[in-house]
Amino acid sequence: MVERFVVDTFAVFMGVALAVCAVAAGTFFWARRKLRSLRARLLGSVAFGDVTVGSLATNARLNRRGVTTSIVRRQLRTAVEGALAAVRAAERAGAPICELGTLAADLDVAARGMDEAMASMGAAGVTPVVLNRATELISSAQALRAEAEHLLARAAVPGHAALLESLGTTERSSSSRQRRPSLLRWRLLAH
């Protein structure tokens, strides 16, 4: 009878220990995920020059709007820098860029202003309207980049349009916007 009591007590102890271990493991993995997210936000803000106490404190809070704001700011910078680089490359290649240089400069000024405004508002102060304006600038930058890449391809490869038409593809799809230039266009540029 004493042996049975010891076995039952041991079984209950092992069950409780297993439950505590499962909860501890779940808590550990949850906390690790949150700390990695926090670390990534803090490193991102430091990398982009937001080293003020306010921005670090804002990024330290676990809010989704702050993550969205930093993502949109990064996408805005990337899209505008890509558009500027594409316009410069088309200009160096001798493509007739017409007003693309002016548009790129205006886009750069607008994007810098939007980025500064979003940085000064802090992550918690940025409204969905501001985020929508930033995404409009991102789509404008992507369209400008696509146009500059198209002009670059026409300048770099003589008969570019004729080659694409003979291969059965259209040069630009008007029904759907492509975020990246087609692989066919890049293959034609490489050869």
Protein backbone atom coordinates (compact mmCIF):
# COMPACT_ATOMS: atom_id res chain seq x y z
CA MET A 1 0.00 0.00 0.00
CA VAL A 2 2.86 2.37 0.74
CA GLU A 3 4.41 1.41 -2.57
CA ARG A 4 1.20 2.30 -4.37
CA PHE A 5 1.12 5.69 -2.61
CA VAL A 6 4.72 6.41 -3.64
CA VAL A 7 3.98 5.46 -7.26
CA ASP A 8 0.84 7.64 -7.35
CA THR A 9 2.68 10.58 -5.79
CA PHE A 10 5.52 10.19 -8.26
CA ALA A 11 3.05 10.11 -11.18
CA VAL A 12 1.32 13.29 -9.99
CA PHE A 13 4.69 14.99 -9.46
CA MET A 14 5.82 14.02 -12.98
CA GLY A 15 2.55 15.26 -14.49
CA VAL A 16 2.85 18.62 -12.75
CA ALA A 17 6.53 18.88 -13.71
CA LEU A 18 5.69 18.12 -17.36
CA ALA A 19 2.95 20.78 -17.39
CA VAL A 20 5.28 23.36 -15.84
CA CYS A 21 7.98 22.51 -18.41
CA ALA A 22 5.50 22.89 -21.28
CA VAL A 23 4.36 26.31 -20.04
CA ALA A 24 7.97 27.39 -19.47
CA ALA A 25 8.99 26.29 -22.98
CA GLY A 26 6.04 28.15 -24.53
CA THR A 27 6.85 31.29 -22.54
CA PHE A 28 10.51 31.04 -23.51
CA PHE A 29 9.78 30.82 -27.24
CA TRP A 30 7.21 33.63 -27.08
CA ALA A 31 9.62 35.91 -25.19
CA ARG A 32 12.46 35.07 -27.57
CA ARG A 33 10.31 36.01 -30.57
CA LYS A 34 9.30 39.31 -28.97
CA LEU A 35 12.88 40.16 -28.03
CA ARG A 36 14.13 39.41 -31.54
CA SER A 37 11.43 41.66 -32.97
CA LEU A 38 12.38 44.42 -30.53
CA ARG A 39 16.07 44.02 -31.34
CA ALA A 40 15.37 44.21 -35.08
CA ARG A 41 13.33 47.41 -34.65
CA LEU A 42 15.98 49.04 -32.50
CA LEU A 43 18.78 48.09 -34.90
CA GLY A 44 16.70 49.32 -37.82
CA SER A 45 16.06 52.69 -36.21
CA VAL A 46 19.75 53.09 -35.35
CA ALA A 47 20.77 52.08 -38.87
CA PHE A 48 18.49 54.70 -40.39
CA GLY A 49 19.74 57.45 -38.12
CA ASP A 50 16.80 57.60 -35.68
CA VAL A 51 18.98 57.63 -32.58
CA THR A 52 16.93 60.03 -30.49
CA VAL A 53 15.63 58.93 -27.12
CA GLY A 54 12.07 59.36 -28.35
CA SER A 55 12.48 57.16 -31.38
CA LEU A 56 14.26 54.45 -29.40
CA ALA A 57 11.56 54.55 -26.72
CA THR A 58 8.86 54.41 -29.39
CA ASN A 59 10.53 51.45 -31.06
CA ALA A 60 10.93 49.73 -27.70
CA ARG A 61 7.17 49.60 -27.28
CA LEU A 62 5.55 46.56 -28.80
CA ASN A 63 3.11 48.27 -31.16
CA ARG A 64 2.28 47.28 -34.68
CA ARG A 65 1.89 50.79 -36.00
CA GLY A 66 5.56 51.45 -35.27
CA VAL A 67 6.56 48.37 -37.22
CA THR A 68 4.31 49.42 -40.11
CA THR A 69 5.77 52.93 -40.08
CA SER A 70 9.35 51.72 -40.17
CA ILE A 71 8.53 49.27 -42.96
CA VAL A 72 6.83 51.97 -45.04
CA ARG A 73 9.72 54.39 -44.44
CA ARG A 74 12.23 51.75 -45.56
CA GLN A 75 10.14 50.87 -48.64
CA LEU A 76 9.85 54.56 -49.49
CA ARG A 77 13.61 55.07 -49.30
CA THR A 78 14.30 51.93 -51.33
CA ALA A 79 11.77 52.78 -54.04
CA VAL A 80 12.94 56.38 -54.43
CA GLU A 81 16.62 55.43 -54.48
CA GLY A 82 15.87 52.78 -57.11
CA ALA A 83 13.97 55.29 -59.25
CA LEU A 84 16.78 57.85 -58.98
CA ALA A 85 19.38 55.23 -59.88
CA ALA A 86 17.35 54.07 -62.88
CA VAL A 87 16.93 57.63 -64.17
CA ARG A 88 20.67 58.30 -63.75
CA ALA A 89 21.52 55.06 -65.56
CA ALA A 90 19.17 55.90 -68.43
CA GLU A 91 20.66 59.38 -68.67
CA ARG A 92 24.22 57.98 -68.72
CA ALA A 93 23.23 55.53 -71.45
CA GLY A 94 22.02 58.40 -73.59
CA ALA A 95 18.33 57.56 -73.44
CA PRO A 96 15.94 60.43 -74.12
CA ILE A 97 14.68 60.87 -70.57
CA CYS A 98 12.81 64.13 -71.29
CA GLU A 99 11.17 65.23 -68.03
CA LEU A 100 12.10 62.12 -66.02
CA GLY A 101 15.04 63.91 -64.41
CA THR A 102 12.79 66.68 -63.13
CA LEU A 103 10.18 64.17 -61.98
CA ALA A 104 12.84 62.18 -60.16
CA ALA A 105 14.13 65.29 -58.38
CA ASP A 106 10.59 66.29 -57.38
CA LEU A 107 9.90 62.76 -56.18
CA ASP A 108 13.08 62.80 -54.12
CA VAL A 109 12.11 66.08 -52.45
CA ALA A 110 8.59 64.82 -51.72
CA ALA A 111 9.90 61.52 -50.34
CA ARG A 112 12.44 63.25 -48.09
CA GLY A 113 9.70 65.52 -46.78
CA MET A 114 7.38 62.58 -46.14
CA ASP A 115 10.16 60.62 -44.44
CA GLU A 116 11.05 63.55 -42.20
CA ALA A 117 7.40 64.07 -41.33
CA MET A 118 6.94 60.41 -40.45
CA ALA A 119 10.14 60.44 -38.37
CA SER A 120 9.08 63.56 -36.47
CA MET A 121 5.61 62.15 -35.73
CA GLY A 122 7.04 59.06 -34.11
CA ALA A 123 5.61 55.64 -34.73
CA ALA A 124 2.53 56.22 -32.59
CA GLY A 125 1.62 59.54 -34.24
CA VAL A 126 1.58 58.40 -37.86
CA THR A 127 -1.98 58.11 -39.09
CA PRO A 128 -3.28 55.78 -41.80
CA VAL A 129 -3.72 58.83 -44.08
CA VAL A 130 0.01 59.59 -43.86
CA LEU A 131 0.83 55.93 -44.53
CA ASN A 132 -1.45 56.01 -47.59
CA ARG A 133 0.32 59.11 -48.90
CA ALA A 134 3.65 57.36 -48.43
CA THR A 135 2.45 54.29 -50.33
CA GLU A 136 1.27 56.58 -53.14
CA LEU A 137 4.80 57.98 -53.32
CA ILE A 138 6.16 54.42 -53.36
CA SER A 139 3.94 53.48 -56.30
CA SER A 140 4.95 56.68 -58.12
CA ALA A 141 8.61 55.84 -57.58
CA GLN A 142 8.06 52.33 -58.89
CA ALA A 143 6.30 53.66 -61.98
CA LEU A 144 9.11 56.17 -62.58
CA ARG A 145 11.69 53.42 -62.19
CA ALA A 146 9.83 51.17 -64.64
CA GLU A 147 9.69 53.98 -67.20
CA ALA A 148 13.40 54.76 -66.78
CA GLU A 149 14.28 51.07 -67.11
CA HIS A 150 12.17 50.89 -70.25
CA LEU A 151 14.01 53.87 -71.74
CA LEU A 152 17.35 52.37 -70.69
CA ALA A 153 16.50 49.08 -72.38
CA ARG A 154 15.49 50.87 -75.57
CA ALA A 155 18.75 52.85 -75.56
CA ALA A 156 20.98 49.91 -74.64
CA VAL A 157 19.61 47.35 -77.08
CA PRO A 158 18.96 48.61 -80.60
CA GLY A 159 15.71 47.22 -81.89
CA HIS A 160 14.56 46.29 -78.39
CA ALA A 161 10.88 46.69 -79.20
CA ALA A 162 11.20 44.66 -82.40
CA LEU A 163 12.98 41.86 -80.52
CA LEU A 164 10.28 41.70 -77.89
CA GLU A 165 7.50 41.72 -80.48
CA SER A 166 9.18 38.96 -82.49
CA LEU A 167 9.40 36.85 -79.33
CA GLY A 168 5.66 37.27 -78.82
CA THR A 169 5.79 39.41 -75.71
CA THR A 170 4.65 42.94 -75.21
CA GLU A 171 7.10 45.57 -74.16
CA ARG A 172 4.99 46.88 -71.29
CA SER A 173 1.82 45.44 -69.87
CA SER A 174 -0.81 48.15 -69.56
CA SER A 175 -3.33 45.97 -67.74
CA SER A 176 -1.09 44.97 -64.84
CA ARG A 177 1.83 46.76 -63.25
CA GLN A 178 4.88 44.67 -62.69
CA ARG A 179 7.02 45.60 -59.72
CA ARG A 180 10.14 44.14 -61.30
CA PRO A 181 11.25 44.27 -64.91
CA SER A 182 10.65 41.07 -66.79
CA LEU A 183 13.38 38.49 -66.90
CA LEU A 184 13.22 38.58 -70.68
CA ARG A 185 14.16 42.27 -70.67
CA TRP A 186 17.15 41.62 -68.40
CA ARG A 187 18.27 38.67 -70.52
CA LEU A 188 18.16 40.86 -73.61
CA LEU A 189 20.26 43.48 -71.82
CA ALA A 190 22.81 40.89 -70.73
CA HIS A 191 23.50 39.60 -74.26
